[in-house]
């Protein structure tokens, strides 16, 4: 999705991949890979793309939304792993007590 935004912005600005590559100091093949979602590009890339294509912050904003979503998904995955571990029987009194306390605090499955 984010790569499509780049491709559409580039086409709207009538800039070919080769030219954008020069402007943002990336290779043309990397530009192509980012556009089809096969390569990650950091925040700095999207900032440079905004400037090069005259997008007035639209590319950076789209990257920010995508990055925030990715962070939330990673946090949810970590929570699911913790909940899964806490749901498993844990030997030992201290561990059982810790498990009980965490479960009471909302960390149970």
PDB file of N, CA and C in Angstrom:
ATOM      1  N   UNK A   1       0.805  -1.184   0.000  1.00  0.00           N
ATOM      2  CA  UNK A   1       0.000   0.000   0.000  1.00  0.00           C
ATOM      3  C   UNK A   1       0.860   1.265   0.000  1.00  0.00           C
ATOM      4  N   UNK A   2       1.840   1.313   0.890  1.00  0.00           N
ATOM      5  CA  UNK A   2       2.708   2.487   0.957  1.00  0.00           C
ATOM      6  C   UNK A   2       3.505   2.648  -0.332  1.00  0.00           C
ATOM      7  N   UNK A   3       3.963   1.542  -0.893  1.00  0.00           N
ATOM      8  CA  UNK A   3       4.684   1.598  -2.163  1.00  0.00           C
ATOM      9  C   UNK A   3       3.826   2.125  -3.292  1.00  0.00           C
ATOM     10  N   UNK A   4       2.528   1.773  -3.253  1.00  0.00           N
ATOM     11  CA  UNK A   4       1.604   2.276  -4.275  1.00  0.00           C
ATOM     12  C   UNK A   4       1.456   3.794  -4.178  1.00  0.00           C
ATOM     13  N   UNK A   5       1.474   4.311  -2.942  1.00  0.00           N
ATOM     14  CA  UNK A   5       1.388   5.759  -2.751  1.00  0.00           C
ATOM     15  C   UNK A   5       2.603   6.426  -3.397  1.00  0.00           C
ATOM     16  N   UNK A   6       3.772   5.821  -3.210  1.00  0.00           N
ATOM     17  CA  UNK A   6       4.984   6.357  -3.831  1.00  0.00           C
ATOM     18  C   UNK A   6       4.867   6.324  -5.352  1.00  0.00           C
ATOM     19  N   UNK A   7       4.460   5.202  -5.888  1.00  0.00           N
ATOM     20  CA  UNK A   7       4.351   5.064  -7.345  1.00  0.00           C
ATOM     21  C   UNK A   7       3.359   6.074  -7.925  1.00  0.00           C
ATOM     22  N   UNK A   8       2.210   6.213  -7.277  1.00  0.00           N
ATOM     23  CA  UNK A   8       1.212   7.167  -7.765  1.00  0.00           C
ATOM     24  C   UNK A   8       1.714   8.602  -7.667  1.00  0.00           C
ATOM     25  N   UNK A   9       2.404   8.915  -6.573  1.00  0.00           N
ATOM     26  CA  UNK A   9       2.959  10.271  -6.405  1.00  0.00           C
ATOM     27  C   UNK A   9       4.017  10.550  -7.460  1.00  0.00           C
ATOM     28  N   UNK A  10       4.845   9.557  -7.724  1.00  0.00           N
ATOM     29  CA  UNK A  10       5.900   9.712  -8.721  1.00  0.00           C
ATOM     30  C   UNK A  10       5.302   9.928 -10.107  1.00  0.00           C
ATOM     31  N   UNK A  11       4.297   9.132 -10.436  1.00  0.00           N
ATOM     32  CA  UNK A  11       3.655   9.276 -11.746  1.00  0.00           C
ATOM     33  C   UNK A  11       2.948  10.625 -11.867  1.00  0.00           C
ATOM     34  N   UNK A  12       2.280  11.043 -10.803  1.00  0.00           N
ATOM     35  CA  UNK A  12       1.588  12.340 -10.820  1.00  0.00           C
ATOM     36  C   UNK A  12       2.558  13.489 -11.033  1.00  0.00           C
ATOM     37  N   UNK A  13       3.770  13.338 -10.477  1.00  0.00           N
ATOM     38  CA  UNK A  13       4.795  14.369 -10.644  1.00  0.00           C
ATOM     39  C   UNK A  13       5.545  14.210 -11.961  1.00  0.00           C
ATOM     40  N   UNK A  14       5.196  13.162 -12.714  1.00  0.00           N
ATOM     41  CA  UNK A  14       5.836  12.869 -14.004  1.00  0.00           C
ATOM     42  C   UNK A  14       7.351  12.693 -13.858  1.00  0.00           C
ATOM     43  N   UNK A  15       7.693  11.882 -12.856  1.00  0.00           N
ATOM     44  CA  UNK A  15       9.102  11.576 -12.583  1.00  0.00           C
ATOM     45  C   UNK A  15       9.294  10.078 -12.800  1.00  0.00           C
ATOM     46  N   UNK A  16      10.271   9.705 -13.593  1.00  0.00           N
ATOM     47  CA  UNK A  16      10.545   8.281 -13.813  1.00  0.00           C
ATOM     48  C   UNK A  16      11.390   7.750 -12.653  1.00  0.00           C
ATOM     49  N   UNK A  17      11.395   6.438 -12.504  1.00  0.00           N
ATOM     50  CA  UNK A  17      12.135   5.821 -11.408  1.00  0.00           C
ATOM     51  C   UNK A  17      13.607   6.207 -11.420  1.00  0.00           C
ATOM     52  N   UNK A  18      14.212   6.240 -12.601  1.00  0.00           N
ATOM     53  CA  UNK A  18      15.631   6.607 -12.699  1.00  0.00           C
ATOM     54  C   UNK A  18      15.894   7.982 -12.105  1.00  0.00           C
ATOM     55  N   UNK A  19      15.038   8.933 -12.419  1.00  0.00           N
ATOM     56  CA  UNK A  19      15.207  10.311 -11.925  1.00  0.00           C
ATOM     57  C   UNK A  19      14.977  10.382 -10.417  1.00  0.00           C
ATOM     58  N   UNK A  20      13.938   9.701  -9.933  1.00  0.00           N
ATOM     59  CA  UNK A  20      13.683   9.691  -8.493  1.00  0.00           C
ATOM     60  C   UNK A  20      14.859   9.064  -7.749  1.00  0.00           C
ATOM     61  N   UNK A  21      15.433   8.030  -8.312  1.00  0.00           N
ATOM     62  CA  UNK A  21      16.589   7.381  -7.693  1.00  0.00           C
ATOM     63  C   UNK A  21      17.732   8.374  -7.492  1.00  0.00           C
ATOM     64  N   UNK A  22      17.979   9.187  -8.499  1.00  0.00           N
ATOM     65  CA  UNK A  22      19.033  10.204  -8.393  1.00  0.00           C
ATOM     66  C   UNK A  22      18.666  11.222  -7.316  1.00  0.00           C
ATOM     67  N   UNK A  23      17.426  11.657  -7.298  1.00  0.00           N
ATOM     68  CA  UNK A  23      16.988  12.697  -6.363  1.00  0.00           C
ATOM     69  C   UNK A  23      17.034  12.244  -4.898  1.00  0.00           C
ATOM     70  N   UNK A  24      16.711  10.987  -4.653  1.00  0.00           N
ATOM     71  CA  UNK A  24      16.697  10.497  -3.268  1.00  0.00           C
ATOM     72  C   UNK A  24      17.957   9.696  -2.909  1.00  0.00           C
ATOM     73  N   UNK A  25      18.844   9.555  -3.892  1.00  0.00           N
ATOM     74  CA  UNK A  25      20.118   8.851  -3.706  1.00  0.00           C
ATOM     75  C   UNK A  25      19.949   7.380  -3.318  1.00  0.00           C
ATOM     76  N   UNK A  26      19.025   6.744  -4.019  1.00  0.00           N
ATOM     77  CA  UNK A  26      18.809   5.308  -3.930  1.00  0.00           C
ATOM     78  C   UNK A  26      18.932   4.765  -5.343  1.00  0.00           C
ATOM     79  N   UNK A  27      19.046   3.450  -5.489  1.00  0.00           N
ATOM     80  CA  UNK A  27      19.115   2.869  -6.827  1.00  0.00           C
ATOM     81  C   UNK A  27      17.722   2.790  -7.449  1.00  0.00           C
ATOM     82  N   UNK A  28      17.678   2.739  -8.769  1.00  0.00           N
ATOM     83  CA  UNK A  28      16.399   2.602  -9.462  1.00  0.00           C
ATOM     84  C   UNK A  28      15.714   1.297  -9.081  1.00  0.00           C
ATOM     85  N   UNK A  29      16.505   0.226  -8.939  1.00  0.00           N
ATOM     86  CA  UNK A  29      15.907  -1.065  -8.570  1.00  0.00           C
ATOM     87  C   UNK A  29      15.320  -1.012  -7.159  1.00  0.00           C
ATOM     88  N   UNK A  30      15.942  -0.263  -6.267  1.00  0.00           N
ATOM     89  CA  UNK A  30      15.378  -0.115  -4.919  1.00  0.00           C
ATOM     90  C   UNK A  30      14.069   0.657  -4.966  1.00  0.00           C
ATOM     91  N   UNK A  31      14.007   1.689  -5.795  1.00  0.00           N
ATOM     92  CA  UNK A  31      12.760   2.441  -5.962  1.00  0.00           C
ATOM     93  C   UNK A  31      11.659   1.488  -6.428  1.00  0.00           C
ATOM     94  N   UNK A  32      11.969   0.678  -7.433  1.00  0.00           N
ATOM     95  CA  UNK A  32      10.995  -0.285  -7.963  1.00  0.00           C
ATOM     96  C   UNK A  32      10.564  -1.266  -6.880  1.00  0.00           C
ATOM     97  N   UNK A  33      11.515  -1.767  -6.104  1.00  0.00           N
ATOM     98  CA  UNK A  33      11.204  -2.723  -5.042  1.00  0.00           C
ATOM     99  C   UNK A  33      10.340  -2.102  -3.948  1.00  0.00           C
ATOM    100  N   UNK A  34      10.612  -0.866  -3.583  1.00  0.00           N
ATOM    101  CA  UNK A  34       9.788  -0.167  -2.586  1.00  0.00           C
ATOM    102  C   UNK A  34       8.376   0.006  -3.125  1.00  0.00           C
ATOM    103  N   UNK A  35       8.262   0.368  -4.378  1.00  0.00           N
ATOM    104  CA  UNK A  35       6.935   0.595  -4.971  1.00  0.00           C
ATOM    105  C   UNK A  35       6.064  -0.655  -4.984  1.00  0.00           C
ATOM    106  N   UNK A  36       6.668  -1.824  -5.123  1.00  0.00           N
ATOM    107  CA  UNK A  36       5.874  -3.060  -5.141  1.00  0.00           C
ATOM    108  C   UNK A  36       5.850  -3.758  -3.787  1.00  0.00           C
ATOM    109  N   UNK A  37       6.452  -3.130  -2.780  1.00  0.00           N
ATOM    110  CA  UNK A  37       6.397  -3.677  -1.425  1.00  0.00           C
ATOM    111  C   UNK A  37       7.393  -4.763  -1.109  1.00  0.00           C
ATOM    112  N   UNK A  38       8.434  -4.875  -1.912  1.00  0.00           N
ATOM    113  CA  UNK A  38       9.445  -5.911  -1.689  1.00  0.00           C
ATOM    114  C   UNK A  38      10.662  -5.409  -0.914  1.00  0.00           C
ATOM    115  N   UNK A  39      10.682  -4.138  -0.590  1.00  0.00           N
ATOM    116  CA  UNK A  39      11.831  -3.573   0.120  1.00  0.00           C
ATOM    117  C   UNK A  39      11.346  -2.517   1.106  1.00  0.00           C
ATOM    118  N   UNK A  40      11.932  -2.553   2.292  1.00  0.00           N
ATOM    119  CA  UNK A  40      11.639  -1.563   3.329  1.00  0.00           C
ATOM    120  C   UNK A  40      12.429  -0.297   3.042  1.00  0.00           C
ATOM    121  N   UNK A  41      11.831   0.846   3.326  1.00  0.00           N
ATOM    122  CA  UNK A  41      12.528   2.128   3.202  1.00  0.00           C
ATOM    123  C   UNK A  41      12.350   2.890   4.512  1.00  0.00           C
ATOM    124  N   UNK A  42      13.418   3.435   5.049  1.00  0.00           N
ATOM    125  CA  UNK A  42      13.330   4.152   6.322  1.00  0.00           C
ATOM    126  C   UNK A  42      12.693   5.530   6.167  1.00  0.00           C
ATOM    127  N   UNK A  43      12.441   6.155   7.280  1.00  0.00           N
ATOM    128  CA  UNK A  43      11.801   7.477   7.342  1.00  0.00           C
ATOM    129  C   UNK A  43      12.509   8.489   6.443  1.00  0.00           C
ATOM    130  N   UNK A  44      13.823   8.467   6.433  1.00  0.00           N
ATOM    131  CA  UNK A  44      14.602   9.421   5.644  1.00  0.00           C
ATOM    132  C   UNK A  44      14.300   9.311   4.151  1.00  0.00           C
ATOM    133  N   UNK A  45      14.055   8.114   3.693  1.00  0.00           N
ATOM    134  CA  UNK A  45      13.699   7.911   2.285  1.00  0.00           C
ATOM    135  C   UNK A  45      12.407   8.640   1.951  1.00  0.00           C
ATOM    136  N   UNK A  46      11.401   8.500   2.824  1.00  0.00           N
ATOM    137  CA  UNK A  46      10.098   9.111   2.573  1.00  0.00           C
ATOM    138  C   UNK A  46      10.180  10.633   2.669  1.00  0.00           C
ATOM    139  N   UNK A  47      11.038  11.125   3.549  1.00  0.00           N
ATOM    140  CA  UNK A  47      11.257  12.569   3.633  1.00  0.00           C
ATOM    141  C   UNK A  47      11.867  13.081   2.323  1.00  0.00           C
ATOM    142  N   UNK A  48      12.878  12.367   1.840  1.00  0.00           N
ATOM    143  CA  UNK A  48      13.530  12.762   0.585  1.00  0.00           C
ATOM    144  C   UNK A  48      12.556  12.666  -0.585  1.00  0.00           C
ATOM    145  N   UNK A  49      11.725  11.641  -0.587  1.00  0.00           N
ATOM    146  CA  UNK A  49      10.727  11.486  -1.636  1.00  0.00           C
ATOM    147  C   UNK A  49       9.712  12.609  -1.622  1.00  0.00           C
ATOM    148  N   UNK A  50       9.317  13.020  -0.423  1.00  0.00           N
ATOM    149  CA  UNK A  50       8.400  14.156  -0.300  1.00  0.00           C
ATOM    150  C   UNK A  50       8.971  15.401  -0.966  1.00  0.00           C
ATOM    151  N   UNK A  51      10.235  15.672  -0.685  1.00  0.00           N
ATOM    152  CA  UNK A  51      10.893  16.853  -1.247  1.00  0.00           C
ATOM    153  C   UNK A  51      11.040  16.703  -2.765  1.00  0.00           C
ATOM    154  N   UNK A  52      11.522  15.540  -3.189  1.00  0.00           N
ATOM    155  CA  UNK A  52      11.798  15.319  -4.610  1.00  0.00           C
ATOM    156  C   UNK A  52      10.538  15.390  -5.470  1.00  0.00           C
ATOM    157  N   UNK A  53       9.420  14.912  -4.907  1.00  0.00           N
ATOM    158  CA  UNK A  53       8.189  14.852  -5.692  1.00  0.00           C
ATOM    159  C   UNK A  53       7.218  15.987  -5.364  1.00  0.00           C
ATOM    160  N   UNK A  54       7.605  16.852  -4.448  1.00  0.00           N
ATOM    161  CA  UNK A  54       6.735  17.972  -4.081  1.00  0.00           C
ATOM    162  C   UNK A  54       5.442  17.531  -3.423  1.00  0.00           C
ATOM    163  N   UNK A  55       5.510  16.528  -2.577  1.00  0.00           N
ATOM    164  CA  UNK A  55       4.301  15.957  -1.959  1.00  0.00           C
ATOM    165  C   UNK A  55       3.868  16.661  -0.677  1.00  0.00           C
ATOM    166  N   UNK A  56       4.640  17.640  -0.254  1.00  0.00           N
ATOM    167  CA  UNK A  56       4.282  18.449   0.912  1.00  0.00           C
ATOM    168  C   UNK A  56       3.968  17.641   2.161  1.00  0.00           C
ATOM    169  N   UNK A  57       4.731  16.593   2.406  1.00  0.00           N
ATOM    170  CA  UNK A  57       4.560  15.796   3.623  1.00  0.00           C
ATOM    171  C   UNK A  57       3.636  14.605   3.499  1.00  0.00           C
ATOM    172  N   UNK A  58       2.997  14.419   2.355  1.00  0.00           N
ATOM    173  CA  UNK A  58       2.042  13.323   2.192  1.00  0.00           C
ATOM    174  C   UNK A  58       2.714  11.955   2.283  1.00  0.00           C
ATOM    175  N   UNK A  59       3.898  11.820   1.683  1.00  0.00           N
ATOM    176  CA  UNK A  59       4.601  10.530   1.745  1.00  0.00           C
ATOM    177  C   UNK A  59       5.040  10.223   3.170  1.00  0.00           C
ATOM    178  N   UNK A  60       5.578  11.218   3.849  1.00  0.00           N
ATOM    179  CA  UNK A  60       6.024  11.018   5.228  1.00  0.00           C
ATOM    180  C   UNK A  60       4.834  10.685   6.130  1.00  0.00           C
ATOM    181  N   UNK A  61       3.714  11.337   5.919  1.00  0.00           N
ATOM    182  CA  UNK A  61       2.517  11.040   6.709  1.00  0.00           C
ATOM    183  C   UNK A  61       2.043   9.609   6.465  1.00  0.00           C
ATOM    184  N   UNK A  62       2.053   9.168   5.220  1.00  0.00           N
ATOM    185  CA  UNK A  62       1.651   7.794   4.901  1.00  0.00           C
ATOM    186  C   UNK A  62       2.606   6.802   5.546  1.00  0.00           C
ATOM    187  N   UNK A  63       3.900   7.100   5.504  1.00  0.00           N
ATOM    188  CA  UNK A  63       4.885   6.235   6.173  1.00  0.00           C
ATOM    189  C   UNK A  63       4.613   6.205   7.677  1.00  0.00           C
ATOM    190  N   UNK A  64       4.320   7.347   8.273  1.00  0.00           N
ATOM    191  CA  UNK A  64       4.057   7.413   9.711  1.00  0.00           C
ATOM    192  C   UNK A  64       2.873   6.555  10.122  1.00  0.00           C
ATOM    193  N   UNK A  65       1.803   6.595   9.338  1.00  0.00           N
ATOM    194  CA  UNK A  65       0.636   5.758   9.634  1.00  0.00           C
ATOM    195  C   UNK A  65       0.982   4.280   9.524  1.00  0.00           C
ATOM    196  N   UNK A  66       1.727   3.930   8.494  1.00  0.00           N
ATOM    197  CA  UNK A  66       2.124   2.534   8.295  1.00  0.00           C
ATOM    198  C   UNK A  66       3.053   2.072   9.407  1.00  0.00           C
ATOM    199  N   UNK A  67       3.995   2.915   9.790  1.00  0.00           N
ATOM    200  CA  UNK A  67       4.929   2.577  10.864  1.00  0.00           C
ATOM    201  C   UNK A  67       4.199   2.399  12.192  1.00  0.00           C
ATOM    202  N   UNK A  68       3.250   3.268  12.489  1.00  0.00           N
ATOM    203  CA  UNK A  68       2.481   3.161  13.729  1.00  0.00           C
ATOM    204  C   UNK A  68       1.679   1.861  13.759  1.00  0.00           C
ATOM    205  N   UNK A  69       1.083   1.499  12.645  1.00  0.00           N
ATOM    206  CA  UNK A  69       0.331   0.249  12.564  1.00  0.00           C
ATOM    207  C   UNK A  69       1.257  -0.947  12.780  1.00  0.00           C
ATOM    208  N   UNK A  70       2.417  -0.924  12.159  1.00  0.00           N
ATOM    209  CA  UNK A  70       3.375  -2.025  12.311  1.00  0.00           C
ATOM    210  C   UNK A  70       3.814  -2.157  13.773  1.00  0.00           C
ATOM    211  N   UNK A  71       4.050  -1.021  14.441  1.00  0.00           N
ATOM    212  CA  UNK A  71       4.433  -1.067  15.859  1.00  0.00           C
ATOM    213  C   UNK A  71       3.316  -1.654  16.709  1.00  0.00           C
ATOM    214  N   UNK A  72       2.072  -1.246  16.442  1.00  0.00           N
ATOM    215  CA  UNK A  72       0.941  -1.796  17.210  1.00  0.00           C
ATOM    216  C   UNK A  72       0.826  -3.299  17.008  1.00  0.00           C
ATOM    217  N   UNK A  73       1.017  -3.761  15.778  1.00  0.00           N
ATOM    218  CA  UNK A  73       0.936  -5.202  15.504  1.00  0.00           C
ATOM    219  C   UNK A  73       2.039  -5.961  16.236  1.00  0.00           C
ATOM    220  N   UNK A  74       3.254  -5.390  16.252  1.00  0.00           N
ATOM    221  CA  UNK A  74       4.348  -6.044  16.987  1.00  0.00           C
ATOM    222  C   UNK A  74       4.047  -6.112  18.479  1.00  0.00           C
ATOM    223  N   UNK A  75       3.481  -5.052  19.039  1.00  0.00           N
ATOM    224  CA  UNK A  75       3.116  -5.042  20.462  1.00  0.00           C
ATOM    225  C   UNK A  75       2.043  -6.080  20.754  1.00  0.00           C
ATOM    226  N   UNK A  76       1.059  -6.204  19.879  1.00  0.00           N
ATOM    227  CA  UNK A  76       0.006  -7.198  20.061  1.00  0.00           C
ATOM    228  C   UNK A  76       0.569  -8.609  20.000  1.00  0.00           C
ATOM    229  N   UNK A  77       1.528  -8.837  19.105  1.00  0.00           N
ATOM    230  CA  UNK A  77       2.160 -10.151  19.015  1.00  0.00           C
ATOM    231  C   UNK A  77       2.915 -10.471  20.295  1.00  0.00           C
ATOM    232  N   UNK A  78       3.627  -9.484  20.856  1.00  0.00           N
ATOM    233  CA  UNK A  78       4.347  -9.692  22.110  1.00  0.00           C
ATOM    234  C   UNK A  78       3.378 -10.002  23.242  1.00  0.00           C
ATOM    235  N   UNK A  79       2.277  -9.260  23.306  1.00  0.00           N
ATOM    236  CA  UNK A  79       1.274  -9.518  24.339  1.00  0.00           C
ATOM    237  C   UNK A  79       0.718 -10.928  24.207  1.00  0.00           C
ATOM    238  N   UNK A  80       0.432 -11.349  22.984  1.00  0.00           N
ATOM    239  CA  UNK A  80      -0.095 -12.696  22.761  1.00  0.00           C
ATOM    240  C   UNK A  80       0.907 -13.746  23.219  1.00  0.00           C
ATOM    241  N   UNK A  81       2.194 -13.520  22.969  1.00  0.00           N
ATOM    242  CA  UNK A  81       3.221 -14.462  23.409  1.00  0.00           C
ATOM    243  C   UNK A  81       3.281 -14.523  24.926  1.00  0.00           C
ATOM    244  N   UNK A  82       3.196 -13.363  25.585  1.00  0.00           N
ATOM    245  CA  UNK A  82       3.216 -13.326  27.051  1.00  0.00           C
ATOM    246  C   UNK A  82       2.011 -14.069  27.604  1.00  0.00           C
ATOM    247  N   UNK A  83       0.835 -13.788  27.031  1.00  0.00           N
ATOM    248  CA  UNK A  83      -0.381 -14.461  27.497  1.00  0.00           C
ATOM    249  C   UNK A  83      -0.279 -15.977  27.308  1.00  0.00           C
ATOM    250  N   UNK A  84       0.306 -16.389  26.195  1.00  0.00           N
ATOM    251  CA  UNK A  84       0.472 -17.815  25.932  1.00  0.00           C
ATOM    252  C   UNK A  84       1.407 -18.442  26.961  1.00  0.00           C
ATOM    253  N   UNK A  85       2.508 -17.764  27.266  1.00  0.00           N
ATOM    254  CA  UNK A  85       3.436 -18.277  28.274  1.00  0.00           C
ATOM    255  C   UNK A  85       2.788 -18.348  29.643  1.00  0.00           C
ATOM    256  N   UNK A  86       2.013 -17.329  29.988  1.00  0.00           N
ATOM    257  CA  UNK A  86       1.362 -17.313  31.302  1.00  0.00           C
ATOM    258  C   UNK A  86       0.274 -18.371  31.424  1.00  0.00           C
ATOM    259  N   UNK A  87      -0.287 -18.788  30.313  1.00  0.00           N
ATOM    260  CA  UNK A  87      -1.328 -19.804  30.339  1.00  0.00           C
ATOM    261  C   UNK A  87      -0.772 -21.201  30.556  1.00  0.00           C
ATOM    262  N   UNK A  88       0.529 -21.366  30.360  1.00  0.00           N
ATOM    263  CA  UNK A  88       1.156 -22.670  30.546  1.00  0.00           C
ATOM    264  C   UNK A  88       1.385 -22.923  32.030  1.00  0.00           C
ATOM    265  N   UNK A  89       1.266 -24.186  32.466  1.00  0.00           N
ATOM    266  CA  UNK A  89       1.544 -24.489  33.872  1.00  0.00           C
ATOM    267  C   UNK A  89       3.023 -24.209  34.189  1.00  0.00           C
ATOM    268  N   UNK A  90       3.228 -23.556  35.311  1.00  0.00           N
ATOM    269  CA  UNK A  90       4.589 -23.193  35.709  1.00  0.00           C
ATOM    270  C   UNK A  90       4.911 -23.901  37.013  1.00  0.00           C
ATOM    271  N   UNK A  91       5.978 -24.678  37.045  1.00  0.00           N
ATOM    272  CA  UNK A  91       6.327 -25.384  38.284  1.00  0.00           C
ATOM    273  C   UNK A  91       6.915 -24.424  39.320  1.00  0.00           C
ATOM    274  N   UNK A  92       6.772 -24.784  40.596  1.00  0.00           N
ATOM    275  CA  UNK A  92       7.386 -24.002  41.672  1.00  0.00           C
ATOM    276  C   UNK A  92       6.420 -23.028  42.293  1.00  0.00           C
ATOM    277  N   UNK A  93       6.504 -22.871  43.598  1.00  0.00           N
ATOM    278  CA  UNK A  93       5.582 -22.009  44.341  1.00  0.00           C
ATOM    279  C   UNK A  93       5.720 -20.547  43.948  1.00  0.00           C
ATOM    280  N   UNK A  94       6.927 -20.040  43.887  1.00  0.00           N
ATOM    281  CA  UNK A  94       7.125 -18.618  43.571  1.00  0.00           C
ATOM    282  C   UNK A  94       6.597 -18.303  42.179  1.00  0.00           C
ATOM    283  N   UNK A  95       6.831 -19.209  41.248  1.00  0.00           N
ATOM    284  CA  UNK A  95       6.358 -18.981  39.884  1.00  0.00           C
ATOM    285  C   UNK A  95       4.836 -19.022  39.832  1.00  0.00           C
ATOM    286  N   UNK A  96       4.235 -19.939  40.604  1.00  0.00           N
ATOM    287  CA  UNK A  96       2.766 -19.998  40.627  1.00  0.00           C
ATOM    288  C   UNK A  96       2.182 -18.709  41.193  1.00  0.00           C
ATOM    289  N   UNK A  97       2.823 -18.204  42.236  1.00  0.00           N
ATOM    290  CA  UNK A  97       2.351 -16.957  42.852  1.00  0.00           C
ATOM    291  C   UNK A  97       2.478 -15.793  41.865  1.00  0.00           C
ATOM    292  N   UNK A  98       3.594 -15.722  41.189  1.00  0.00           N
ATOM    293  CA  UNK A  98       3.784 -14.685  40.179  1.00  0.00           C
ATOM    294  C   UNK A  98       2.732 -14.820  39.088  1.00  0.00           C
ATOM    295  N   UNK A  99       2.496 -16.037  38.664  1.00  0.00           N
ATOM    296  CA  UNK A  99       1.487 -16.293  37.639  1.00  0.00           C
ATOM    297  C   UNK A  99       0.123 -15.820  38.122  1.00  0.00           C
ATOM    298  N   UNK A 100      -0.240 -16.110  39.357  1.00  0.00           N
ATOM    299  CA  UNK A 100      -1.524 -15.699  39.919  1.00  0.00           C
ATOM    300  C   UNK A 100      -1.643 -14.181  39.951  1.00  0.00           C
ATOM    301  N   UNK A 101      -0.580 -13.518  40.408  1.00  0.00           N
ATOM    302  CA  UNK A 101      -0.597 -12.058  40.497  1.00  0.00           C
ATOM    303  C   UNK A 101      -0.735 -11.413  39.119  1.00  0.00           C
ATOM    304  N   UNK A 102       0.009 -11.937  38.162  1.00  0.00           N
ATOM    305  CA  UNK A 102      -0.092 -11.400  36.807  1.00  0.00           C
ATOM    306  C   UNK A 102      -1.476 -11.641  36.224  1.00  0.00           C
ATOM    307  N   UNK A 103      -2.040 -12.809  36.510  1.00  0.00           N
ATOM    308  CA  UNK A 103      -3.371 -13.122  36.001  1.00  0.00           C
ATOM    309  C   UNK A 103      -4.407 -12.180  36.605  1.00  0.00           C
ATOM    310  N   UNK A 104      -4.270 -11.868  37.873  1.00  0.00           N
ATOM    311  CA  UNK A 104      -5.191 -10.935  38.520  1.00  0.00           C
ATOM    312  C   UNK A 104      -5.054  -9.526  37.954  1.00  0.00           C
ATOM    313  N   UNK A 105      -3.884  -9.220  37.432  1.00  0.00           N
ATOM    314  CA  UNK A 105      -3.636  -7.892  36.868  1.00  0.00           C
ATOM    315  C   UNK A 105      -4.085  -7.771  35.413  1.00  0.00           C
ATOM    316  N   UNK A 106      -4.703  -8.834  34.903  1.00  0.00           N
ATOM    317  CA  UNK A 106      -5.204  -8.767  33.531  1.00  0.00           C
ATOM    318  C   UNK A 106      -4.293  -9.392  32.498  1.00  0.00           C
ATOM    319  N   UNK A 107      -3.247 -10.065  32.918  1.00  0.00           N
ATOM    320  CA  UNK A 107      -2.322 -10.683  31.971  1.00  0.00           C
ATOM    321  C   UNK A 107      -2.649 -12.139  31.681  1.00  0.00           C
ATOM    322  N   UNK A 108      -3.806 -12.605  32.112  1.00  0.00           N
ATOM    323  CA  UNK A 108      -4.164 -13.995  31.833  1.00  0.00           C
ATOM    324  C   UNK A 108      -4.833 -14.081  30.468  1.00  0.00           C
ATOM    325  N   UNK A 109      -4.893 -15.281  29.942  1.00  0.00           N
ATOM    326  CA  UNK A 109      -5.521 -15.468  28.624  1.00  0.00           C
ATOM    327  C   UNK A 109      -7.015 -15.505  28.723  1.00  0.00           C
TER     328      UNK A 109
END
